[in-house]
C-alpha atoms as a PDB file:
ATOM      1  CA  MET A   1       0.000   0.000   0.000  1.00  0.00           C
ATOM      2  CA  THR A   2       1.249   3.513  -0.719  1.00  0.00           C
ATOM      3  CA  ILE A   3       0.429   6.499   1.476  1.00  0.00           C
ATOM      4  CA  ASP A   4       1.035  10.191   0.742  1.00  0.00           C
ATOM      5  CA  ASP A   5      -1.166  11.839   3.391  1.00  0.00           C
ATOM      6  CA  LEU A   6       1.705  13.433   5.328  1.00  0.00           C
ATOM      7  CA  GLY A   7       3.449  14.956   2.322  1.00  0.00           C
ATOM      8  CA  VAL A   8       6.045  12.169   2.269  1.00  0.00           C
ATOM      9  CA  PRO A   9       5.327   9.204  -0.024  1.00  0.00           C
ATOM     10  CA  ILE A  10       5.451   5.955   1.998  1.00  0.00           C
ATOM     11  CA  ILE A  11       5.315   2.290   0.949  1.00  0.00           C
ATOM     12  CA  THR A  12       3.973  -0.196   3.480  1.00  0.00           C
ATOM     13  CA  ALA A  13       4.273  -3.942   3.066  1.00  0.00           C
ATOM     14  CA  ARG A  14       4.497  -7.256   4.849  1.00  0.00           C
ATOM     15  CA  ALA A  15       7.848  -9.004   4.490  1.00  0.00           C
ATOM     16  CA  ALA A  16       8.203 -12.724   3.761  1.00  0.00           C
ATOM     17  CA  ASP A  17       8.679 -13.422   7.481  1.00  0.00           C
ATOM     18  CA  GLY A  18       5.403 -11.628   8.308  1.00  0.00           C
ATOM     19  CA  THR A  19       6.889  -8.432   9.724  1.00  0.00           C
ATOM     20  CA  PHE A  20       5.410  -5.066   8.738  1.00  0.00           C
ATOM     21  CA  VAL A  21       7.773  -2.701   6.937  1.00  0.00           C
ATOM     22  CA  ALA A  22       7.492   0.906   5.764  1.00  0.00           C
ATOM     23  CA  MET A  23       9.886   2.953   3.640  1.00  0.00           C
ATOM     24  CA  VAL A  24       9.975   6.160   1.623  1.00  0.00           C
ATOM     25  CA  ASN A  25       8.430   5.637  -1.831  1.00  0.00           C
ATOM     26  CA  ALA A  26      11.190   7.370  -3.803  1.00  0.00           C
ATOM     27  CA  TYR A  27      14.511   6.488  -5.355  1.00  0.00           C
ATOM     28  CA  ARG A  28      17.136   8.358  -3.356  1.00  0.00           C
ATOM     29  CA  HIS A  29      19.236   9.284  -6.367  1.00  0.00           C
ATOM     30  CA  ARG A  30      16.403  10.082  -8.812  1.00  0.00           C
ATOM     31  CA  GLY A  31      13.512  11.226  -6.654  1.00  0.00           C
ATOM     32  CA  ALA A  32      11.074   9.226  -8.816  1.00  0.00           C
ATOM     33  CA  ARG A  33       8.440   7.068  -7.117  1.00  0.00           C
ATOM     34  CA  VAL A  34       9.328   3.419  -6.688  1.00  0.00           C
ATOM     35  CA  VAL A  35       5.657   2.303  -6.734  1.00  0.00           C
ATOM     36  CA  GLU A  36       2.832   4.203  -8.484  1.00  0.00           C
ATOM     37  CA  ALA A  37      -0.096   1.880  -7.667  1.00  0.00           C
ATOM     38  CA  GLU A  38      -2.044   2.543  -4.474  1.00  0.00           C
ATOM     39  CA  ARG A  39      -2.458  -1.192  -3.728  1.00  0.00           C
ATOM     40  CA  GLY A  40      -1.345  -4.508  -5.132  1.00  0.00           C
ATOM     41  CA  GLU A  41       1.258  -7.231  -4.904  1.00  0.00           C
ATOM     42  CA  ALA A  42       4.913  -6.313  -5.044  1.00  0.00           C
ATOM     43  CA  ARG A  43       7.343  -8.179  -7.198  1.00  0.00           C
ATOM     44  CA  SER A  44       9.972  -9.965  -5.135  1.00  0.00           C
ATOM     45  CA  ASP A  45      12.702  -9.009  -7.620  1.00  0.00           C
ATOM     46  CA  SER A  46      12.151  -5.237  -7.497  1.00  0.00           C
ATOM     47  CA  HIS A  47      15.393  -3.313  -7.606  1.00  0.00           C
ATOM     48  CA  CYS A  48      16.786  -0.025  -8.819  1.00  0.00           C
END
């Protein structure tokens, strides 16, 4: 799920081990969004 309510784009997800993770939804070096979709399944091979 992506969230942008606080002015900072955030990605939230559940890791393979079941833990909840959240990170900034932007490439550090490009500033472009990593994920555009609001909801869905992430690819396990996502990389920059």
